[in-house]
Structures are given as C-alpha cells and as structure tokens.
N, C-alpha and C. Protein backbone atom coordinates (compact mmCIF):
# COMPACT_ATOMS: atom_id res chain seq x y z
N MET A 1 -184.69 197.43 305.48
CA MET A 1 -185.25 197.23 304.15
C MET A 1 -184.17 197.51 303.12
N CYS A 2 -183.96 196.59 302.20
CA CYS A 2 -183.04 196.82 301.08
C CYS A 2 -183.61 197.91 300.19
N ARG A 3 -182.84 198.32 299.22
CA ARG A 3 -183.32 199.27 298.21
C ARG A 3 -182.93 198.71 296.84
N ILE A 4 -183.82 198.92 295.87
CA ILE A 4 -183.56 198.45 294.52
C ILE A 4 -183.78 199.58 293.53
N ALA A 5 -183.12 199.47 292.38
CA ALA A 5 -183.28 200.46 291.31
C ALA A 5 -182.86 199.81 290.00
N GLY A 6 -183.32 200.38 288.91
CA GLY A 6 -182.91 199.86 287.61
C GLY A 6 -183.41 200.72 286.47
N ILE A 7 -182.74 200.54 285.34
CA ILE A 7 -183.11 201.25 284.11
C ILE A 7 -182.94 200.30 282.93
N ILE A 8 -183.91 200.34 282.04
CA ILE A 8 -183.80 199.66 280.75
C ILE A 8 -184.01 200.75 279.70
N ASP A 9 -183.01 200.94 278.85
CA ASP A 9 -183.07 202.02 277.87
C ASP A 9 -182.20 201.68 276.66
N THR A 10 -182.83 201.34 275.56
CA THR A 10 -182.08 200.96 274.35
C THR A 10 -181.50 202.16 273.61
N LYS A 11 -181.85 203.38 274.04
CA LYS A 11 -181.36 204.57 273.35
C LYS A 11 -180.08 205.14 273.97
N GLN A 12 -179.69 204.65 275.14
CA GLN A 12 -178.50 205.18 275.81
C GLN A 12 -177.42 204.10 275.91
N GLU A 13 -176.18 204.56 276.02
CA GLU A 13 -175.07 203.64 276.20
C GLU A 13 -175.14 203.03 277.60
N LEU A 14 -174.66 201.81 277.70
CA LEU A 14 -174.71 201.10 278.97
C LEU A 14 -173.94 201.82 280.07
N THR A 15 -172.83 202.44 279.74
CA THR A 15 -172.04 203.15 280.76
C THR A 15 -172.84 204.30 281.37
N ILE A 16 -173.62 204.99 280.56
CA ILE A 16 -174.45 206.09 281.05
C ILE A 16 -175.56 205.55 281.95
N ILE A 17 -176.21 204.47 281.51
CA ILE A 17 -177.28 203.86 282.31
C ILE A 17 -176.72 203.38 283.65
N SER A 18 -175.57 202.75 283.60
CA SER A 18 -174.95 202.23 284.82
C SER A 18 -174.65 203.34 285.82
N LYS A 19 -174.12 204.45 285.33
CA LYS A 19 -173.83 205.59 286.22
C LYS A 19 -175.11 206.14 286.83
N GLN A 20 -176.19 206.17 286.04
CA GLN A 20 -177.47 206.65 286.55
C GLN A 20 -177.98 205.75 287.68
N VAL A 21 -177.91 204.44 287.46
CA VAL A 21 -178.38 203.49 288.48
C VAL A 21 -177.51 203.58 289.73
N GLN A 22 -176.22 203.75 289.56
CA GLN A 22 -175.32 203.90 290.71
C GLN A 22 -175.69 205.13 291.54
N LYS A 23 -176.04 206.23 290.86
CA LYS A 23 -176.47 207.44 291.56
C LYS A 23 -177.78 207.20 292.30
N MET A 24 -178.70 206.49 291.65
CA MET A 24 -179.98 206.18 292.28
C MET A 24 -179.76 205.36 293.55
N CYS A 25 -178.88 204.38 293.47
CA CYS A 25 -178.60 203.53 294.63
C CYS A 25 -177.89 204.31 295.73
N ALA A 26 -177.02 205.22 295.34
CA ALA A 26 -176.25 205.99 296.33
C ALA A 26 -177.17 206.82 297.24
N VAL A 27 -178.23 207.41 296.68
CA VAL A 27 -179.12 208.21 297.51
C VAL A 27 -180.02 207.35 298.40
N MET A 28 -180.03 206.05 298.15
CA MET A 28 -180.82 205.13 298.97
C MET A 28 -179.93 204.27 299.87
N ALA A 29 -178.67 204.64 300.01
CA ALA A 29 -177.69 203.83 300.75
C ALA A 29 -178.09 203.59 302.19
N HIS A 30 -178.83 204.51 302.78
CA HIS A 30 -179.26 204.35 304.18
C HIS A 30 -180.09 203.09 304.39
N GLY A 31 -180.75 202.63 303.34
CA GLY A 31 -181.60 201.44 303.44
C GLY A 31 -180.89 200.14 303.17
N GLY A 32 -179.63 200.23 302.76
CA GLY A 32 -178.88 199.03 302.45
C GLY A 32 -177.43 199.15 302.86
N PRO A 33 -177.16 199.15 304.17
CA PRO A 33 -175.80 199.38 304.65
C PRO A 33 -174.87 198.16 304.54
N ASP A 34 -175.42 196.99 304.20
CA ASP A 34 -174.62 195.76 304.23
C ASP A 34 -173.99 195.39 302.89
N GLY A 35 -174.18 196.21 301.88
CA GLY A 35 -173.56 195.92 300.59
C GLY A 35 -174.30 196.56 299.45
N GLU A 36 -173.65 196.53 298.30
CA GLU A 36 -174.27 197.07 297.10
C GLU A 36 -173.85 196.22 295.91
N GLY A 37 -174.67 196.25 294.88
CA GLY A 37 -174.35 195.49 293.69
C GLY A 37 -175.00 196.09 292.47
N ILE A 38 -174.36 195.85 291.33
CA ILE A 38 -174.87 196.32 290.04
C ILE A 38 -174.81 195.14 289.07
N TYR A 39 -175.86 194.97 288.29
CA TYR A 39 -175.88 193.99 287.20
C TYR A 39 -176.07 194.76 285.91
N GLU A 40 -175.21 194.50 284.92
CA GLU A 40 -175.30 195.16 283.62
C GLU A 40 -175.48 194.13 282.52
N ASN A 41 -176.38 194.41 281.59
CA ASN A 41 -176.58 193.57 280.42
C ASN A 41 -176.52 194.46 279.19
N LYS A 42 -175.38 194.44 278.53
CA LYS A 42 -175.16 195.32 277.37
C LYS A 42 -176.12 195.01 276.23
N LYS A 43 -176.35 193.74 275.95
CA LYS A 43 -177.21 193.33 274.84
C LYS A 43 -178.60 193.95 274.96
N ASP A 44 -179.13 193.96 276.17
CA ASP A 44 -180.49 194.44 276.38
C ASP A 44 -180.57 195.83 277.00
N SER A 45 -179.42 196.51 277.11
CA SER A 45 -179.36 197.88 277.66
C SER A 45 -180.09 197.97 279.00
N LEU A 46 -179.73 197.06 279.89
CA LEU A 46 -180.41 196.94 281.17
C LEU A 46 -179.40 196.99 282.31
N VAL A 47 -179.73 197.74 283.36
CA VAL A 47 -178.90 197.78 284.57
C VAL A 47 -179.82 197.68 285.78
N PHE A 48 -179.52 196.73 286.68
CA PHE A 48 -180.21 196.59 287.96
C PHE A 48 -179.22 196.97 289.05
N GLY A 49 -179.71 197.68 290.06
CA GLY A 49 -178.89 198.03 291.22
C GLY A 49 -179.54 197.56 292.50
N HIS A 50 -178.71 197.37 293.52
CA HIS A 50 -179.21 196.87 294.79
C HIS A 50 -178.39 197.41 295.95
N ARG A 51 -179.07 197.82 297.00
CA ARG A 51 -178.45 198.17 298.29
C ARG A 51 -178.96 197.15 299.29
N ARG A 52 -178.05 196.43 299.93
CA ARG A 52 -178.42 195.27 300.73
C ARG A 52 -178.51 195.55 302.23
N LEU A 53 -179.60 195.06 302.80
CA LEU A 53 -179.76 194.95 304.24
C LEU A 53 -179.94 193.45 304.49
N ALA A 54 -178.89 192.78 304.93
CA ALA A 54 -178.89 191.32 305.08
C ALA A 54 -179.77 190.91 306.25
N LEU A 55 -180.78 190.06 305.97
CA LEU A 55 -181.68 189.59 307.01
C LEU A 55 -181.68 188.07 307.13
N ILE A 56 -181.76 187.36 306.02
CA ILE A 56 -181.89 185.91 306.06
C ILE A 56 -180.54 185.24 305.81
N ASP A 57 -179.98 185.39 304.65
CA ASP A 57 -178.67 184.83 304.33
C ASP A 57 -177.65 185.95 304.50
N LEU A 58 -176.91 185.91 305.59
CA LEU A 58 -175.97 186.99 305.90
C LEU A 58 -174.65 186.85 305.16
N SER A 59 -174.46 185.73 304.46
CA SER A 59 -173.21 185.48 303.76
C SER A 59 -173.14 186.25 302.44
N ALA A 60 -171.96 186.22 301.84
CA ALA A 60 -171.75 186.88 300.55
C ALA A 60 -172.57 186.21 299.44
N SER A 61 -172.98 184.96 299.65
CA SER A 61 -173.75 184.27 298.61
C SER A 61 -175.14 184.87 298.44
N GLY A 62 -175.58 185.68 299.40
CA GLY A 62 -176.87 186.36 299.28
C GLY A 62 -176.79 187.70 298.57
N HIS A 63 -175.60 188.01 298.03
CA HIS A 63 -175.36 189.28 297.33
C HIS A 63 -176.31 189.42 296.14
N GLN A 64 -176.72 190.66 295.88
CA GLN A 64 -177.61 190.95 294.75
C GLN A 64 -177.07 192.11 293.94
N PRO A 65 -177.59 192.25 292.72
CA PRO A 65 -178.53 191.42 292.00
C PRO A 65 -178.02 189.98 291.88
N MET A 66 -178.97 189.05 291.89
CA MET A 66 -178.66 187.62 291.88
C MET A 66 -179.06 187.02 290.54
N LEU A 67 -178.23 186.09 290.05
CA LEU A 67 -178.48 185.42 288.78
C LEU A 67 -178.74 183.94 289.01
N TYR A 68 -179.52 183.34 288.11
CA TYR A 68 -179.75 181.90 288.13
C TYR A 68 -179.67 181.37 286.71
N ASN A 69 -178.85 180.35 286.53
CA ASN A 69 -178.69 179.67 285.23
C ASN A 69 -178.35 180.62 284.08
N ASP A 70 -177.72 181.73 284.39
CA ASP A 70 -177.36 182.74 283.39
C ASP A 70 -178.56 183.16 282.53
N GLN A 71 -179.76 183.02 283.09
CA GLN A 71 -180.97 183.43 282.36
C GLN A 71 -181.83 184.40 283.15
N TYR A 72 -181.91 184.20 284.45
CA TYR A 72 -182.80 185.01 285.28
C TYR A 72 -181.98 185.89 286.22
N VAL A 73 -182.40 187.15 286.34
CA VAL A 73 -181.71 188.12 287.21
C VAL A 73 -182.77 188.79 288.08
N ILE A 74 -182.44 188.97 289.36
CA ILE A 74 -183.39 189.61 290.27
C ILE A 74 -182.68 190.62 291.15
N THR A 75 -183.38 191.71 291.43
CA THR A 75 -182.99 192.62 292.50
C THR A 75 -184.22 192.70 293.40
N PHE A 76 -184.03 192.33 294.66
CA PHE A 76 -185.14 192.03 295.56
C PHE A 76 -185.05 192.82 296.86
N ASN A 77 -186.20 193.29 297.32
CA ASN A 77 -186.32 193.96 298.61
C ASN A 77 -187.46 193.30 299.36
N GLY A 78 -187.19 192.81 300.56
CA GLY A 78 -188.27 192.27 301.36
C GLY A 78 -187.93 190.97 302.04
N GLU A 79 -188.99 190.25 302.36
CA GLU A 79 -188.84 188.96 303.02
C GLU A 79 -189.99 188.05 302.58
N ILE A 80 -189.64 186.84 302.18
CA ILE A 80 -190.63 185.83 301.80
C ILE A 80 -190.82 184.92 303.00
N TYR A 81 -191.99 184.96 303.62
CA TYR A 81 -192.23 184.21 304.85
C TYR A 81 -192.28 182.70 304.61
N ASN A 82 -192.77 182.29 303.46
CA ASN A 82 -192.91 180.86 303.17
C ASN A 82 -191.80 180.32 302.28
N TYR A 83 -190.63 180.97 302.29
CA TYR A 83 -189.57 180.54 301.38
C TYR A 83 -189.05 179.15 301.68
N LEU A 84 -189.03 178.74 302.95
CA LEU A 84 -188.54 177.39 303.27
C LEU A 84 -189.48 176.31 302.72
N LEU A 85 -190.77 176.56 302.79
CA LEU A 85 -191.76 175.64 302.23
C LEU A 85 -191.60 175.54 300.71
N LEU A 86 -191.47 176.70 300.05
CA LEU A 86 -191.29 176.71 298.60
C LEU A 86 -189.96 176.07 298.20
N LYS A 87 -188.93 176.33 298.99
CA LYS A 87 -187.62 175.74 298.72
C LYS A 87 -187.70 174.22 298.78
N GLN A 88 -188.38 173.69 299.79
CA GLN A 88 -188.51 172.24 299.91
C GLN A 88 -189.29 171.67 298.73
N GLU A 89 -190.34 172.36 298.33
CA GLU A 89 -191.13 171.92 297.18
C GLU A 89 -190.27 171.87 295.92
N LEU A 90 -189.43 172.86 295.73
CA LEU A 90 -188.54 172.90 294.57
C LEU A 90 -187.44 171.83 294.67
N GLN A 91 -186.93 171.61 295.86
CA GLN A 91 -185.93 170.55 296.05
C GLN A 91 -186.54 169.18 295.75
N ASP A 92 -187.78 168.98 296.14
CA ASP A 92 -188.48 167.73 295.84
C ASP A 92 -188.65 167.52 294.34
N LEU A 93 -188.65 168.63 293.59
CA LEU A 93 -188.75 168.56 292.13
C LEU A 93 -187.37 168.42 291.47
N GLY A 94 -186.32 168.41 292.28
CA GLY A 94 -184.97 168.20 291.76
C GLY A 94 -184.10 169.44 291.64
N TYR A 95 -184.59 170.58 292.07
CA TYR A 95 -183.80 171.81 291.99
C TYR A 95 -182.81 171.87 293.15
N GLU A 96 -181.63 172.42 292.86
CA GLU A 96 -180.59 172.57 293.87
C GLU A 96 -180.36 174.04 294.16
N PHE A 97 -179.98 174.33 295.40
CA PHE A 97 -179.78 175.70 295.84
C PHE A 97 -178.34 175.92 296.27
N ASN A 98 -177.85 177.13 296.03
CA ASN A 98 -176.48 177.51 296.41
C ASN A 98 -176.43 178.45 297.59
N THR A 99 -177.59 178.96 298.02
CA THR A 99 -177.63 179.93 299.12
C THR A 99 -178.71 179.53 300.12
N LYS A 100 -178.78 180.29 301.19
CA LYS A 100 -179.86 180.14 302.17
C LYS A 100 -180.86 181.28 302.02
N SER A 101 -180.81 181.95 300.90
CA SER A 101 -181.55 183.18 300.64
C SER A 101 -182.96 182.93 300.11
N ASP A 102 -183.90 183.75 300.56
CA ASP A 102 -185.25 183.70 299.99
C ASP A 102 -185.26 184.23 298.56
N THR A 103 -184.27 185.05 298.22
CA THR A 103 -184.17 185.59 296.86
C THR A 103 -183.94 184.48 295.85
N GLU A 104 -183.07 183.54 296.18
CA GLU A 104 -182.79 182.43 295.26
C GLU A 104 -184.04 181.57 295.07
N VAL A 105 -184.87 181.46 296.10
CA VAL A 105 -186.11 180.69 295.99
C VAL A 105 -187.02 181.32 294.93
N ILE A 106 -187.08 182.64 294.90
CA ILE A 106 -187.90 183.32 293.88
C ILE A 106 -187.37 183.00 292.49
N LEU A 107 -186.05 183.11 292.30
CA LEU A 107 -185.45 182.84 290.99
C LEU A 107 -185.71 181.42 290.52
N ILE A 108 -185.44 180.45 291.38
CA ILE A 108 -185.63 179.05 290.99
C ILE A 108 -187.12 178.75 290.84
N GLY A 109 -187.94 179.36 291.69
CA GLY A 109 -189.39 179.21 291.54
C GLY A 109 -189.87 179.74 290.21
N PHE A 110 -189.29 180.85 289.77
CA PHE A 110 -189.66 181.41 288.46
C PHE A 110 -189.22 180.47 287.34
N ALA A 111 -188.03 179.89 287.47
CA ALA A 111 -187.54 178.94 286.46
C ALA A 111 -188.46 177.73 286.37
N CYS A 112 -189.02 177.32 287.49
CA CYS A 112 -189.90 176.15 287.53
C CYS A 112 -191.34 176.47 287.13
N TRP A 113 -191.91 177.49 287.77
CA TRP A 113 -193.35 177.76 287.63
C TRP A 113 -193.69 178.98 286.79
N GLY A 114 -192.70 179.71 286.33
CA GLY A 114 -192.97 180.94 285.59
C GLY A 114 -193.62 181.97 286.50
N THR A 115 -194.49 182.79 285.93
CA THR A 115 -195.11 183.86 286.71
C THR A 115 -196.05 183.34 287.80
N ALA A 116 -196.41 182.08 287.76
CA ALA A 116 -197.25 181.50 288.81
C ALA A 116 -196.56 181.55 290.17
N VAL A 117 -195.23 181.64 290.18
CA VAL A 117 -194.51 181.74 291.45
C VAL A 117 -194.91 183.00 292.22
N PHE A 118 -195.26 184.06 291.51
CA PHE A 118 -195.60 185.32 292.17
C PHE A 118 -196.79 185.14 293.13
N GLU A 119 -197.75 184.33 292.73
CA GLU A 119 -198.93 184.10 293.57
C GLU A 119 -198.64 183.15 294.71
N LYS A 120 -197.55 182.40 294.63
CA LYS A 120 -197.16 181.47 295.69
C LYS A 120 -196.43 182.18 296.83
N LEU A 121 -195.95 183.39 296.58
CA LEU A 121 -195.13 184.10 297.55
C LEU A 121 -195.99 184.72 298.65
N SER A 122 -195.59 184.48 299.88
CA SER A 122 -196.24 185.10 301.04
C SER A 122 -195.18 185.94 301.74
N GLY A 123 -195.48 187.21 301.92
CA GLY A 123 -194.50 188.06 302.58
C GLY A 123 -194.70 189.51 302.22
N MET A 124 -193.65 190.27 302.48
CA MET A 124 -193.63 191.69 302.10
C MET A 124 -192.44 191.86 301.17
N PHE A 125 -192.70 192.33 299.95
CA PHE A 125 -191.62 192.35 298.97
C PHE A 125 -191.92 193.26 297.80
N ALA A 126 -190.85 193.65 297.15
CA ALA A 126 -190.90 194.34 295.86
C ALA A 126 -189.64 193.92 295.14
N PHE A 127 -189.77 193.59 293.87
CA PHE A 127 -188.58 193.18 293.12
C PHE A 127 -188.76 193.36 291.63
N ALA A 128 -187.62 193.36 290.95
CA ALA A 128 -187.58 193.33 289.49
C ALA A 128 -186.89 192.03 289.11
N LEU A 129 -187.50 191.31 288.21
CA LEU A 129 -186.95 190.05 287.73
C LEU A 129 -186.86 190.12 286.22
N TYR A 130 -185.68 189.80 285.70
CA TYR A 130 -185.45 189.86 284.26
C TYR A 130 -185.19 188.46 283.72
N ASP A 131 -185.91 188.10 282.67
CA ASP A 131 -185.73 186.84 281.96
C ASP A 131 -184.97 187.17 280.68
N LYS A 132 -183.68 186.85 280.66
CA LYS A 132 -182.83 187.21 279.52
C LYS A 132 -183.28 186.54 278.22
N LYS A 133 -183.68 185.28 278.31
CA LYS A 133 -184.09 184.54 277.10
C LYS A 133 -185.36 185.13 276.49
N ALA A 134 -186.34 185.41 277.33
CA ALA A 134 -187.61 185.98 276.85
C ALA A 134 -187.53 187.48 276.65
N GLU A 135 -186.47 188.11 277.16
CA GLU A 135 -186.29 189.57 277.11
C GLU A 135 -187.48 190.29 277.74
N LEU A 136 -187.87 189.82 278.94
CA LEU A 136 -188.98 190.41 279.67
C LEU A 136 -188.54 190.78 281.08
N THR A 137 -189.02 191.92 281.55
CA THR A 137 -188.77 192.36 282.92
C THR A 137 -190.10 192.42 283.66
N TYR A 138 -190.11 191.87 284.86
CA TYR A 138 -191.30 191.88 285.70
C TYR A 138 -191.02 192.76 286.92
N LEU A 139 -191.92 193.70 287.19
CA LEU A 139 -191.88 194.48 288.42
C LEU A 139 -193.00 193.92 289.29
N VAL A 140 -192.64 193.42 290.47
CA VAL A 140 -193.59 192.69 291.31
C VAL A 140 -193.57 193.27 292.72
N ARG A 141 -194.77 193.35 293.30
CA ARG A 141 -194.91 193.89 294.65
C ARG A 141 -195.88 193.02 295.43
N ASP A 142 -195.68 192.91 296.74
CA ASP A 142 -196.57 192.09 297.57
C ASP A 142 -198.01 192.59 297.48
N GLN A 143 -198.94 191.69 297.74
CA GLN A 143 -200.36 192.00 297.55
C GLN A 143 -200.88 193.11 298.46
N SER A 144 -200.23 193.30 299.60
CA SER A 144 -200.66 194.36 300.52
C SER A 144 -199.97 195.69 300.24
N GLY A 145 -198.98 195.68 299.38
CA GLY A 145 -198.27 196.91 299.04
C GLY A 145 -197.39 197.43 300.16
N ILE A 146 -196.86 196.53 300.97
CA ILE A 146 -196.03 196.95 302.11
C ILE A 146 -194.71 197.55 301.65
N LYS A 147 -194.04 196.89 300.73
CA LYS A 147 -192.75 197.38 300.23
C LYS A 147 -192.98 198.30 299.04
N PRO A 148 -192.39 199.48 299.05
CA PRO A 148 -192.61 200.44 297.96
C PRO A 148 -191.88 200.06 296.68
N LEU A 149 -192.50 200.40 295.57
CA LEU A 149 -191.87 200.23 294.26
C LEU A 149 -192.49 201.26 293.31
N TYR A 150 -191.66 202.14 292.80
CA TYR A 150 -192.09 203.20 291.90
C TYR A 150 -191.45 202.97 290.54
N TYR A 151 -192.13 203.42 289.49
CA TYR A 151 -191.54 203.29 288.17
C TYR A 151 -191.99 204.43 287.27
N SER A 152 -191.25 204.61 286.20
CA SER A 152 -191.65 205.54 285.14
C SER A 152 -191.31 204.90 283.81
N SER A 153 -192.06 205.27 282.81
CA SER A 153 -191.81 204.79 281.46
C SER A 153 -191.99 205.98 280.51
N ILE A 154 -190.85 206.52 280.10
CA ILE A 154 -190.84 207.69 279.23
C ILE A 154 -189.89 207.44 278.08
N ASN A 155 -190.34 207.74 276.87
CA ASN A 155 -189.50 207.61 275.68
C ASN A 155 -188.76 206.28 275.63
N GLN A 156 -189.48 205.22 275.84
CA GLN A 156 -188.95 203.85 275.77
C GLN A 156 -187.87 203.57 276.83
N GLN A 157 -187.87 204.33 277.91
CA GLN A 157 -186.98 204.06 279.04
C GLN A 157 -187.84 203.67 280.23
N LEU A 158 -187.58 202.48 280.78
CA LEU A 158 -188.24 202.03 281.99
C LEU A 158 -187.28 202.23 283.15
N THR A 159 -187.72 202.95 284.16
CA THR A 159 -186.91 203.23 285.34
C THR A 159 -187.73 202.83 286.56
N PHE A 160 -187.08 202.18 287.54
CA PHE A 160 -187.78 201.81 288.76
C PHE A 160 -186.87 202.00 289.97
N ALA A 161 -187.50 202.17 291.14
CA ALA A 161 -186.73 202.33 292.37
C ALA A 161 -187.64 202.15 293.58
N SER A 162 -187.00 201.91 294.72
CA SER A 162 -187.71 201.76 295.99
C SER A 162 -188.16 203.10 296.56
N GLU A 163 -187.48 204.18 296.17
CA GLU A 163 -187.80 205.49 296.72
C GLU A 163 -187.92 206.52 295.60
N VAL A 164 -188.83 207.47 295.78
CA VAL A 164 -189.02 208.54 294.81
C VAL A 164 -187.76 209.38 294.67
N LYS A 165 -187.05 209.60 295.78
CA LYS A 165 -185.87 210.46 295.70
C LYS A 165 -184.79 209.90 294.78
N ALA A 166 -184.81 208.62 294.50
CA ALA A 166 -183.84 208.05 293.56
C ALA A 166 -184.06 208.61 292.15
N PHE A 167 -185.30 208.92 291.82
CA PHE A 167 -185.61 209.48 290.50
C PHE A 167 -185.08 210.91 290.37
N LYS A 168 -184.92 211.59 291.48
CA LYS A 168 -184.46 212.97 291.45
C LYS A 168 -182.99 213.08 291.05
N THR A 169 -182.28 211.96 291.00
CA THR A 169 -180.89 211.97 290.54
C THR A 169 -180.82 211.98 289.01
N LEU A 170 -181.95 211.76 288.37
CA LEU A 170 -182.02 211.69 286.90
C LEU A 170 -182.42 213.03 286.32
N THR A 171 -182.04 213.28 285.08
CA THR A 171 -182.44 214.49 284.38
C THR A 171 -183.68 214.17 283.56
N ILE A 172 -184.79 214.71 283.99
CA ILE A 172 -186.06 214.47 283.31
C ILE A 172 -186.66 215.81 282.93
N THR A 173 -187.03 215.94 281.67
CA THR A 173 -187.62 217.20 281.21
C THR A 173 -189.11 217.05 280.91
N GLU A 174 -189.63 215.88 281.23
CA GLU A 174 -191.04 215.61 280.95
C GLU A 174 -191.93 216.15 282.07
N ASP A 175 -193.18 215.77 282.03
CA ASP A 175 -194.18 216.09 283.04
C ASP A 175 -193.66 215.71 284.44
N PRO A 176 -193.78 216.60 285.42
CA PRO A 176 -193.27 216.31 286.76
C PRO A 176 -194.03 215.19 287.48
N ASN A 177 -195.16 214.79 286.96
CA ASN A 177 -195.95 213.71 287.57
C ASN A 177 -195.68 212.36 286.91
N TRP A 178 -194.47 212.16 286.45
CA TRP A 178 -194.12 210.97 285.67
C TRP A 178 -193.84 209.73 286.48
N ILE A 179 -193.75 209.84 287.81
CA ILE A 179 -193.46 208.67 288.64
C ILE A 179 -194.77 208.02 289.06
N ILE A 180 -194.82 206.71 288.94
CA ILE A 180 -196.02 205.96 289.28
C ILE A 180 -195.69 205.00 290.40
N ASN A 181 -196.55 204.95 291.41
CA ASN A 181 -196.40 203.99 292.49
C ASN A 181 -197.14 202.72 292.08
N ILE A 182 -196.45 201.60 292.11
CA ILE A 182 -197.12 200.35 291.80
C ILE A 182 -198.05 200.04 292.96
N THR A 183 -199.33 199.90 292.65
CA THR A 183 -200.32 199.65 293.69
C THR A 183 -200.88 198.25 293.55
N VAL A 184 -201.62 197.86 294.57
CA VAL A 184 -202.17 196.52 294.61
C VAL A 184 -203.21 196.34 293.53
C-alpha cells in the first residue's frame, strides 16, 4: 500500500509546509519502498507527498504526485479495478495517456467527468486531488473504506495522511482529538 500526505496552509511559508510533509512521508516510508515524491504549489500554499509501492505501472512514469495538463494534481493510494475499462472509455472520447497507471485514469477522468468520476471508480483507494484552476482539493476514499485516509482542519490548515502517526510529526497545540478518519 502506498502512503499519501499533504498540507494546505496559507499562513505558513511553502518551505515550512514542504518540510512538514516530508517528515510525514518519512514516518510512513515502510508503506512505500519504491519511491517518493513531493509536489509544491507556492501560489496556493499546498504540498502533496507520496510514498510509492509500485503495483500496476512499475515504470518511472507512474511516479507521484502526478500532474495532468498542468491543472490537476493527485497523490493516490490503492488500486482501481476497472481502470482499463475507464481508460478505454476516455480514449474513445479522444483522451490520450502517457502511462499505464490507474492514477492517470483518475486524473483524466476528472478532467472529463469532474467529480462524477469518483462514482465510476471501482476498487480500494484513498487520494487527494487538487484542481489548480478551481482552487479546490478533494479528499476521496473508496466506498467500503478499505484504504485509510485521515485529516484535520485547524486554523485554516488542512492536513491529511494515510496514517495517524504521520500527524505526530507535526506540532499541534490544539485538542488531542483533532484527527478525523474519513468514513463511508
């Protein structure tokens, strides 16, 4: 299972946010031995992190966080069982793919169908998807809740991760019950 993490915080400098996300990913390294990646967006004070466990596309082109059309960014954990069917449907609509990854199918599906793509996905997954143009972040989890995804929202900072222990790398002075598990 891959691991994902991220922070959106307009009150902190990007370098600080990036270091925090790197620490969060480091404590989850056991879940992603095949690579790591960080995406930073200075304009929106957003950092996504990823620890990779390569399952479908074993090549470097499956590296995450993944971008599409310089508008959509995703950090993804899981497996989409019907990704080949969705990929063919998108190809029939004229979309082209650069990878063999199910992650790219989610991104292009979002570009085509918007949030309706979430209901088309069959599998076990948790991910964060950022739409740079709309300035919106989506935290999405499979309907059965197989893949974990936790988040907190304190003082206009949104933080998310695959594991609770990733939050323990952060300095939080608020209520100790501030972490929320995204449920079905």
